[in-house]
Protein backbone atom coordinates (compact mmCIF):
# COMPACT_ATOMS: atom_id res chain seq x y z
CA MET A 1 -7.16 5.52 11.03
CA SER A 2 -4.38 4.65 8.39
CA LYS A 3 -1.01 2.95 9.64
CA PRO A 4 2.02 5.00 10.36
CA ILE A 5 4.44 5.57 7.59
CA VAL A 6 8.10 5.07 8.57
CA ALA A 7 11.02 5.37 6.07
CA VAL A 8 14.43 4.43 5.94
CA VAL A 9 17.08 7.04 4.61
CA GLY A 10 20.55 6.58 4.13
CA ARG A 11 23.78 6.54 1.91
CA PRO A 12 24.44 3.19 -0.40
CA ASN A 13 26.19 0.65 2.08
CA VAL A 14 25.16 1.91 5.66
CA GLY A 15 23.23 -1.28 5.63
CA LYS A 16 19.54 0.11 4.73
CA SER A 17 18.85 -3.20 3.11
CA THR A 18 20.10 -5.26 5.81
CA LEU A 19 18.20 -3.12 8.63
CA PHE A 20 14.66 -3.27 5.94
CA ASN A 21 14.94 -7.12 6.00
CA ALA A 22 15.83 -7.53 9.91
CA LEU A 23 12.79 -5.26 10.82
CA ALA A 24 10.74 -6.67 8.13
CA GLY A 25 11.30 -10.11 8.69
CA GLY A 26 9.51 -12.63 6.47
CA ASN A 27 6.35 -11.05 6.64
CA ILE A 28 6.91 -8.73 3.19
CA SER A 29 3.68 -7.12 2.55
CA ILE A 30 3.27 -8.77 -0.95
CA VAL A 31 3.69 -12.34 -0.55
CA GLN A 32 1.25 -14.03 -3.12
CA ASP A 33 2.95 -15.58 -6.16
CA THR A 34 0.66 -13.49 -8.38
CA PRO A 35 1.06 -12.50 -11.71
CA GLY A 36 1.32 -8.90 -12.20
CA VAL A 37 1.70 -8.08 -8.24
CA THR A 38 5.16 -6.59 -7.42
CA ARG A 39 7.04 -8.23 -4.93
CA ASP A 40 9.99 -5.83 -4.75
CA ARG A 41 11.09 -5.67 -1.16
CA ILE A 42 10.46 -1.67 -1.13
CA TYR A 43 7.75 -1.99 1.72
CA ALA A 44 6.72 -4.42 4.29
CA GLU A 45 4.30 -4.50 7.06
CA VAL A 46 6.08 -4.42 10.74
CA SER A 47 4.35 -4.86 14.16
CA TRP A 48 6.26 -4.09 17.49
CA THR A 49 4.43 -4.80 20.93
CA GLY A 50 0.98 -4.02 19.71
CA TYR A 51 2.17 -1.20 17.15
CA GLU A 52 1.71 -1.61 13.45
CA PHE A 53 3.13 0.39 10.86
CA THR A 54 4.26 0.24 7.05
CA LEU A 55 8.19 0.70 6.61
CA ILE A 56 9.43 1.79 3.61
CA ASP A 57 12.96 1.29 2.05
CA THR A 58 13.90 4.56 0.35
CA GLY A 59 16.62 2.49 -1.46
CA GLY A 60 18.53 3.86 -4.22
CA ILE A 61 21.18 3.15 -6.73
CA GLU A 62 25.08 3.06 -6.65
CA PRO A 63 26.08 6.63 -7.52
CA GLU A 64 28.75 7.51 -10.10
CA SER A 65 30.31 10.14 -7.92
CA ALA A 66 29.86 12.41 -4.95
CA ASP A 67 27.69 14.72 -6.48
CA VAL A 68 25.20 12.31 -7.39
CA LEU A 69 25.07 10.65 -4.19
CA LEU A 70 24.43 13.86 -2.34
CA ARG A 71 21.39 14.67 -5.11
CA GLN A 72 20.15 11.08 -4.86
CA MET A 73 20.53 11.32 -0.89
CA ARG A 74 18.36 14.61 -0.86
CA GLU A 75 15.80 12.83 -3.29
CA GLN A 76 15.65 10.00 -0.82
CA ALA A 77 15.20 12.45 2.17
CA GLU A 78 12.46 14.52 0.26
CA ILE A 79 10.82 11.23 -0.22
CA ALA A 80 10.72 10.54 3.55
CA ILE A 81 9.99 14.03 4.56
CA ASP A 82 6.87 13.99 2.23
CA THR A 83 5.47 10.82 2.87
CA ALA A 84 6.41 9.29 6.38
CA ASP A 85 5.54 9.87 9.69
CA VAL A 86 8.81 8.85 11.32
CA ILE A 87 12.03 8.77 9.56
CA ILE A 88 14.89 6.39 10.41
CA PHE A 89 18.16 8.16 9.19
CA LEU A 90 20.95 5.13 8.97
CA VAL A 91 24.63 6.22 9.53
CA ASP A 92 27.80 4.10 9.29
CA ALA A 93 29.83 3.86 12.63
CA LYS A 94 32.71 2.23 10.59
CA ASP A 95 32.85 5.12 7.67
CA GLY A 96 32.08 7.92 10.46
CA LEU A 97 30.48 11.07 9.76
CA VAL A 98 30.87 12.25 6.10
CA ASP A 99 29.57 15.37 4.31
CA ALA A 100 26.37 13.52 2.82
CA ASP A 101 25.19 13.04 6.26
CA ALA A 102 25.37 16.34 7.42
CA SER A 103 23.23 17.56 4.35
CA VAL A 104 20.73 15.47 4.90
CA ALA A 105 20.55 15.98 8.23
CA ASP A 106 20.06 19.46 7.62
CA MET A 107 17.16 18.80 5.45
CA LEU A 108 15.36 16.25 8.37
CA ARG A 109 15.77 19.13 11.12
CA ARG A 110 13.90 21.59 8.88
CA ALA A 111 11.58 19.24 8.11
CA LYS A 112 10.04 19.28 11.77
CA LYS A 113 9.22 15.49 11.65
CA PRO A 114 10.32 12.74 13.97
CA VAL A 115 13.92 11.60 13.01
CA VAL A 116 15.22 8.63 14.34
CA LEU A 117 19.22 8.66 14.06
CA ALA A 118 20.33 4.99 14.09
CA VAL A 119 24.37 4.20 14.10
CA ASN A 120 24.61 1.11 12.06
CA LYS A 121 27.75 -1.64 12.31
CA VAL A 122 28.20 -0.95 16.05
CA ASP A 123 29.22 -4.94 17.11
CA SER A 124 31.10 -3.55 20.26
CA PHE A 125 29.52 -0.51 22.06
CA GLY A 126 32.55 -0.08 24.46
CA LYS A 127 35.04 0.06 21.51
CA GLN A 128 33.37 2.15 19.29
CA GLN A 129 31.74 4.57 21.80
CA ALA A 130 33.74 7.24 20.22
CA ASP A 131 32.56 6.73 16.40
CA ILE A 132 29.00 6.56 17.79
CA PHE A 133 29.05 10.17 19.90
CA GLU A 134 30.49 11.95 16.91
CA PHE A 135 27.02 11.71 15.37
CA TYR A 136 25.71 13.90 17.90
CA SER A 137 27.10 17.01 15.93
CA LEU A 138 24.15 16.35 13.42
CA GLY A 139 21.67 17.64 16.07
CA LEU A 140 18.92 15.10 15.56
CA GLY A 141 19.17 13.64 19.10
CA ASP A 142 20.72 10.75 20.90
CA PRO A 143 22.70 8.29 18.13
CA LEU A 144 21.36 5.03 18.76
CA PRO A 145 23.95 2.46 17.84
CA ILE A 146 22.70 -1.00 16.13
CA SER A 147 24.18 -3.68 14.45
CA ALA A 148 21.59 -4.59 11.72
CA ALA A 149 23.38 -8.03 10.35
CA ASN A 150 23.65 -9.17 13.89
CA ARG A 151 20.24 -7.96 15.23
CA GLN A 152 21.46 -6.19 18.02
CA GLY A 153 19.31 -2.76 19.21
CA LEU A 154 16.64 -3.29 17.36
CA GLY A 155 14.19 -3.04 20.05
CA GLU A 156 15.73 0.15 21.19
CA LEU A 157 15.42 1.14 17.93
CA LEU A 158 11.71 0.15 17.41
CA ASP A 159 10.47 1.48 21.00
CA GLU A 160 12.17 5.05 19.77
CA VAL A 161 10.22 4.62 16.52
CA THR A 162 6.80 3.65 17.93
CA LYS A 163 7.28 5.93 20.89
CA ASP A 164 4.62 8.87 19.36
CA PHE A 165 2.24 6.55 17.67
CA ASP A 166 -0.19 7.08 20.56
CA ALA A 167 -0.13 11.03 20.75
CA GLY A 168 -2.82 10.97 18.24
CA LEU A 169 -0.19 12.04 15.86
CA PHE A 170 -1.82 10.17 12.96
CA GLU A 171 -5.51 10.41 13.61
CA GLU A 172 -7.54 12.79 11.26
CA GLU A 173 -10.30 13.77 13.70
CA GLU A 174 -12.19 16.36 11.86
CA GLU A 175 -12.25 14.68 8.40
CA GLU A 176 -12.38 11.06 9.74
CA LYS A 177 -15.81 10.57 8.13
CA ILE A 178 -15.16 11.87 5.27
CA PRO A 179 -14.32 8.95 2.26
CA ARG A 180 -10.56 9.16 1.15
CA VAL A 181 -10.02 8.43 -2.60
CA ALA A 182 -6.48 7.90 -3.92
CA ILE A 183 -5.83 8.27 -7.60
CA VAL A 184 -3.19 6.33 -8.55
CA GLY A 185 -1.36 4.94 -11.95
CA ARG A 186 1.33 5.27 -14.28
CA PRO A 187 2.78 8.83 -15.16
CA ASN A 188 0.78 10.83 -17.51
CA VAL A 189 -2.45 8.77 -17.82
CA GLY A 190 -4.21 11.97 -16.52
CA LYS A 191 -4.72 11.67 -12.94
CA SER A 192 -4.47 15.24 -12.14
CA SER A 193 -6.38 16.06 -15.11
CA MET A 194 -9.08 13.97 -13.58
CA ILE A 195 -8.93 15.69 -10.08
CA ASN A 196 -9.24 19.19 -11.78
CA ARG A 197 -12.19 18.35 -13.94
CA LEU A 198 -13.88 17.12 -10.92
CA LEU A 199 -13.07 19.86 -8.83
CA GLY A 200 -13.79 22.40 -11.75
CA GLU A 201 -10.71 24.40 -11.51
CA ASN A 202 -7.24 24.12 -12.51
CA ARG A 203 -5.83 23.48 -9.05
CA LEU A 204 -3.29 21.25 -9.68
CA LEU A 205 -0.41 21.41 -11.48
CA VAL A 206 -1.09 19.31 -14.93
CA SER A 207 1.38 18.79 -17.88
CA ASP A 208 2.58 16.67 -20.96
CA ILE A 209 5.71 15.88 -19.15
CA ALA A 210 5.32 12.35 -17.32
CA GLY A 211 5.93 12.67 -13.56
CA THR A 212 5.45 16.86 -13.23
CA THR A 213 3.07 15.99 -10.14
CA ARG A 214 5.81 16.40 -7.40
CA ASP A 215 3.94 15.60 -4.14
CA ALA A 216 0.88 14.00 -3.11
CA VAL A 217 -2.12 16.67 -3.09
CA ASP A 218 -5.09 16.20 -0.88
CA THR A 219 -8.40 17.91 -2.49
CA LYS A 220 -11.77 18.21 -0.97
CA ILE A 221 -14.26 17.77 -3.32
CA THR A 222 -18.04 18.06 -2.94
CA TYR A 223 -20.65 16.19 -5.06
CA ASN A 224 -24.31 15.96 -4.67
CA LYS A 225 -23.73 17.27 -1.07
CA LYS A 226 -21.46 14.55 -0.35
CA GLU A 227 -17.96 15.38 0.41
CA TYR A 228 -14.97 13.27 -0.52
CA ILE A 229 -11.19 13.93 -0.07
CA PHE A 230 -9.19 12.99 -3.00
CA ILE A 231 -5.75 11.93 -2.96
CA ASP A 232 -3.37 12.60 -6.10
CA THR A 233 0.02 11.41 -6.46
CA ALA A 234 2.19 10.63 -9.58
CA GLY A 235 5.02 9.97 -7.49
CA LEU A 236 7.59 10.92 -9.55
CA ARG A 237 10.81 12.87 -9.06
CA ARG A 238 11.02 15.39 -11.83
CA LYS A 239 14.90 15.42 -12.47
CA SER A 240 15.69 11.19 -11.79
CA ARG A 241 17.23 9.87 -14.69
CA VAL A 242 17.34 5.82 -13.73
CA LYS A 243 14.08 3.85 -14.75
CA GLU A 244 14.74 1.86 -11.48
CA GLU A 245 14.79 4.59 -9.47
CA LEU A 246 11.63 6.02 -10.74
CA GLU A 247 9.62 2.93 -10.55
CA ARG A 248 10.97 2.60 -6.68
CA TYR A 249 9.72 6.03 -6.00
CA SER A 250 6.29 5.55 -7.72
CA ILE A 251 5.58 2.60 -5.68
CA ILE A 252 6.92 4.46 -2.43
CA ARG A 253 4.26 7.20 -3.19
CA THR A 254 1.63 4.76 -4.27
CA VAL A 255 1.96 2.63 -1.00
CA THR A 256 1.41 5.87 0.99
CA ALA A 257 -1.40 7.13 -0.68
CA VAL A 258 -3.31 3.73 -1.13
CA GLU A 259 -2.77 3.19 2.80
CA ARG A 260 -4.38 6.60 3.59
CA ALA A 261 -7.50 5.69 1.25
CA ASP A 262 -10.68 3.73 1.93
CA VAL A 263 -11.21 3.59 -1.89
CA VAL A 264 -8.07 3.44 -4.67
CA VAL A 265 -9.29 4.66 -8.16
CA VAL A 266 -6.54 3.13 -10.53
CA VAL A 267 -6.41 5.10 -13.55
CA ILE A 268 -5.30 3.38 -17.26
CA ASP A 269 -4.66 5.02 -20.46
CA ALA A 270 -7.29 3.85 -22.89
CA VAL A 271 -4.62 4.72 -25.64
CA GLU A 272 -1.49 2.83 -24.51
CA GLY A 273 -3.97 0.37 -22.95
CA ILE A 274 -3.16 -1.80 -19.83
CA ALA A 275 0.68 -2.68 -19.01
CA GLU A 276 2.70 -4.51 -16.44
CA GLN A 277 3.18 -1.63 -14.08
CA ASP A 278 -0.62 -0.60 -14.05
CA ALA A 279 -1.07 -4.37 -12.66
CA LYS A 280 1.63 -3.97 -9.83
CA ILE A 281 -0.34 -0.34 -9.28
CA ALA A 282 -3.40 -2.00 -8.55
CA GLY A 283 -1.93 -5.14 -6.94
CA ILE A 284 -0.70 -2.40 -4.02
CA ALA A 285 -4.29 -1.66 -3.43
CA HIS A 286 -5.66 -5.52 -3.70
CA ASP A 287 -3.20 -6.16 -1.23
CA ARG A 288 -4.24 -3.69 0.96
CA GLY A 289 -7.61 -4.76 1.18
CA LYS A 290 -8.82 -1.72 -0.18
CA GLY A 291 -11.91 -0.59 -2.39
CA ILE A 292 -10.70 -0.34 -5.88
CA VAL A 293 -12.33 1.18 -9.64
CA VAL A 294 -10.65 0.62 -12.25
CA ALA A 295 -10.89 4.00 -14.45
CA VAL A 296 -9.98 3.92 -17.91
CA ASN A 297 -9.31 7.39 -18.57
CA LYS A 298 -9.04 9.02 -22.49
CA TRP A 299 -11.51 6.80 -23.62
CA ASP A 300 -12.93 9.73 -26.24
CA ALA A 301 -9.23 9.53 -27.96
CA VAL A 302 -10.01 5.44 -28.64
CA GLU A 303 -12.12 4.75 -32.12
CA LYS A 304 -14.69 2.42 -30.94
CA ASP A 305 -17.50 0.03 -32.51
CA THR A 306 -20.42 -1.83 -30.25
CA ASN A 307 -17.86 -4.22 -28.55
CA THR A 308 -14.85 -2.12 -27.90
CA SER A 309 -15.55 -1.56 -24.33
CA VAL A 310 -16.69 -5.11 -23.56
CA GLU A 311 -13.07 -6.34 -25.27
CA TYR A 312 -11.22 -3.68 -23.31
CA ALA A 313 -12.97 -5.07 -20.22
CA ARG A 314 -12.04 -8.36 -20.90
CA LYS A 315 -8.38 -7.80 -21.11
CA ILE A 316 -8.33 -5.72 -18.30
CA ARG A 317 -9.98 -8.56 -16.19
CA GLN A 318 -7.55 -11.02 -17.85
CA ILE A 319 -4.47 -8.88 -16.58
CA LEU A 320 -5.90 -8.09 -13.24
CA SER A 321 -7.27 -11.57 -12.67
CA TYR A 322 -6.39 -11.80 -9.24
CA MET A 323 -8.99 -8.66 -8.68
CA PRO A 324 -12.08 -9.83 -10.50
CA TYR A 325 -14.34 -7.99 -8.49
CA ALA A 326 -12.95 -4.45 -9.15
CA GLU A 327 -15.47 -1.81 -10.66
CA ILE A 328 -14.35 -0.80 -14.34
CA LEU A 329 -15.27 2.76 -15.67
CA PHE A 330 -14.47 4.19 -18.96
CA VAL A 331 -14.12 7.71 -18.97
CA SER A 332 -12.73 11.14 -20.11
CA ALA A 333 -10.79 13.73 -18.16
CA MET A 334 -10.55 16.02 -20.95
CA SER A 335 -14.30 15.98 -21.93
CA GLY A 336 -15.74 15.08 -18.44
CA GLN A 337 -17.48 12.00 -20.38
CA ARG A 338 -18.71 9.55 -17.62
CA LEU A 339 -16.51 11.42 -14.86
CA PRO A 340 -19.87 11.78 -12.49
CA LYS A 341 -20.30 8.06 -12.51
CA LEU A 342 -17.14 7.75 -10.67
CA PHE A 343 -18.91 9.11 -7.48
CA SER A 344 -21.59 6.60 -8.04
CA ALA A 345 -19.09 3.78 -8.33
CA ILE A 346 -16.72 5.35 -5.12
CA ASP A 347 -20.29 5.22 -3.18
CA LEU A 348 -21.23 1.55 -4.31
CA VAL A 349 -17.43 0.11 -3.38
CA LEU A 350 -17.73 2.08 0.11
CA GLU A 351 -20.89 0.51 1.11
CA ASN A 352 -19.93 -3.00 0.01
CA GLN A 353 -16.20 -2.62 1.82
CA ASN A 354 -18.26 -1.80 4.91
CA ARG A 355 -21.23 -4.41 4.32
CA ARG A 356 -21.89 -6.88 7.52
CA ILE A 357 -23.61 -10.19 6.49
CA SER A 358 -25.53 -11.93 9.62
CA THR A 359 -24.15 -15.51 10.92
CA GLY A 360 -27.33 -16.82 10.10
CA LEU A 361 -27.75 -15.93 6.59
CA LEU A 362 -23.74 -17.07 5.72
CA ASN A 363 -24.40 -20.11 7.47
CA GLN A 364 -27.47 -20.88 5.33
CA ILE A 365 -25.36 -19.77 1.96
CA LEU A 366 -22.22 -22.53 3.48
CA ALA A 367 -24.66 -25.20 3.96
CA GLU A 368 -26.24 -24.77 0.37
CA ALA A 369 -22.79 -24.42 -1.19
CA VAL A 370 -21.77 -27.61 0.40
CA ALA A 371 -24.70 -29.50 -0.44
CA LEU A 372 -24.32 -28.07 -4.03
CA ASN A 373 -20.34 -29.05 -4.22
CA THR A 374 -19.29 -31.76 -1.90
CA PRO A 375 -15.73 -30.53 0.22
CA PRO A 376 -12.54 -31.99 -0.93
CA THR A 377 -11.07 -35.40 0.69
CA ASP A 378 -7.18 -36.34 1.08
CA LYS A 379 -6.31 -39.68 1.81
CA GLY A 380 -9.53 -40.93 3.22
CA ARG A 381 -10.05 -37.50 5.26
CA ARG A 382 -12.90 -35.44 4.01
CA LEU A 383 -12.97 -31.50 4.91
CA LYS A 384 -15.92 -30.69 7.24
CA LEU A 385 -17.02 -27.23 7.39
CA TYR A 386 -18.83 -26.39 10.83
CA TYR A 387 -19.83 -22.55 10.56
CA MET A 388 -18.98 -19.23 9.49
CA THR A 389 -19.08 -15.61 10.82
CA GLN A 390 -18.07 -11.99 9.51
CA VAL A 391 -15.43 -10.45 12.02
CA ALA A 392 -14.49 -7.33 10.23
CA VAL A 393 -15.11 -4.93 7.44
CA ALA A 394 -12.95 -2.78 5.16
CA PRO A 395 -12.05 -5.58 3.92
CA PRO A 396 -15.26 -7.62 4.69
CA THR A 397 -13.41 -10.41 6.66
CA PHE A 398 -14.91 -13.86 7.61
CA VAL A 399 -13.79 -16.53 9.95
CA ILE A 400 -14.46 -20.14 8.77
CA PHE A 401 -14.40 -23.04 11.22
CA VAL A 402 -13.19 -26.67 9.73
CA ASN A 403 -11.97 -29.78 10.88
CA ASP A 404 -8.82 -29.57 9.24
CA LYS A 405 -7.47 -26.57 7.94
CA LYS A 406 -4.84 -28.57 5.28
CA LEU A 407 -8.09 -29.88 3.72
CA MET A 408 -9.26 -26.41 2.86
CA HIS A 409 -7.79 -26.02 -0.67
CA PHE A 410 -7.84 -22.43 -2.22
CA SER A 411 -9.77 -23.75 -5.13
CA TYR A 412 -12.67 -24.44 -2.18
CA GLN A 413 -12.10 -21.47 -0.45
CA ARG A 414 -12.74 -19.45 -3.78
CA TYR A 415 -15.89 -21.43 -4.68
CA ILE A 416 -17.19 -20.67 -1.18
CA GLU A 417 -16.12 -16.86 -1.65
CA ASN A 418 -17.85 -17.15 -5.30
CA LYS A 419 -21.21 -18.04 -3.49
CA ILE A 420 -21.29 -15.17 -0.96
CA ARG A 421 -20.67 -12.63 -4.13
CA GLU A 422 -23.64 -14.61 -6.06
CA SER A 423 -25.59 -13.86 -2.82
CA PHE A 424 -24.32 -10.37 -1.62
CA ASP A 425 -23.44 -7.23 -3.47
CA PHE A 426 -19.46 -7.03 -2.75
CA ARG A 427 -18.34 -5.31 -6.11
CA GLY A 428 -15.33 -3.30 -5.66
CA THR A 429 -14.11 -5.06 -2.77
CA SER A 430 -11.91 -7.95 -1.89
CA LEU A 431 -12.90 -10.46 0.60
CA ARG A 432 -10.77 -11.89 3.21
CA PHE A 433 -11.09 -15.45 4.76
CA ILE A 434 -9.42 -17.00 8.01
CA VAL A 435 -9.63 -20.77 8.19
CA ARG A 436 -9.45 -22.10 11.60
CA GLU A 437 -9.88 -25.58 13.21
CA ARG A 438 -12.29 -26.72 15.66
CA SER A 439 -12.16 -30.12 17.18
CA GLU A 440 -15.79 -31.97 16.74
CA LYS A 441 -15.40 -33.55 20.03
CA ASP A 442 -15.04 -30.29 22.67
CA GLY A 443 -15.47 -27.68 20.21
CA THR A 444 -11.96 -26.04 20.65
CA ARG A 445 -10.63 -23.82 17.95
CA ASP A 446 -6.92 -22.92 17.16
């Protein structure tokens, strides 16, 4: 089951970013200082009373006129309606009800999705009661008074946001066991063309105009009597004019598609080569622990010699250095070249994502690794690794018990990971490690 998506919508200066930061705290989804991985505060993981969800700030730029404001607010609302399970509609008690609020409220009402109406900048409920009641006229239920800046009323807001999470609203019962594959990448790299070729019919809108795929589309494809659900999302609005806005929308749609997927296929344009935006998109999938296949599309359009694919793969590995495990395929959606191998790669990655290793085998590898490469020391104190066990799959997650977490340097952890990868086929999936302390004397753990 994927995490619910909660989107924040509202006019500029109503406090969307302040609310987003207050709810997200320091727990921003991509926190590693990894080259090529986006650290934009567009989405974050939020936990509340045992519930977890992905919070998205639809954000936006300052408009030049009221007309532009309304258009951008509508686009934000469309993004939220398309991708979110619950929508927080933020309005401003000090500005009061304005035309743009009413226009967006109409869209949200028709969407038939849960909407939580939050009235921000309420510092005193008693004094601003009339200001709050004015928003009842939007027809979106009870307005919740909050102050994002002062962090007041946020508990009630989160209670309202999460109240339907147990209702089975986000279960995918009949399709739960069918692998979900997200096709992601920059505009015009051939994502829809790839699915059309796999499907054998021209079902999705394909155009040479970047960003013509407006919404995410789920397509069920059967190959060798096995079913897959492909999620296609270009994620760009057709009429948006501002580059930053386009990139924000692209990331939002990528996050929501990746969240729902088991395996992510990152499509790269072979002619244009790998770009910074490719690294950002791949970083989203890496950060969420998904299985990853890099599909280099339009390979038929590249002039090749005997070493072309090797050199190309080396450059991809260099730019995507934080995910050396990714599977790389060279394909052509136009000719169908090597596309059937995509299913083999997906199956391999799914198998590795869900692979479990016995504790006995893991500790045998751990003992050999320690014998070959002595653990580091600091100020005369040496790192001791007691044992290791696997606690989860998708991605495979391991707990290592040590005498002192501070002594477990990143480089040594990577060494242990490499030893595990040498012993077991974990191609296509990241591995997660949790380091815990255990006292030698009493066996207690943190």
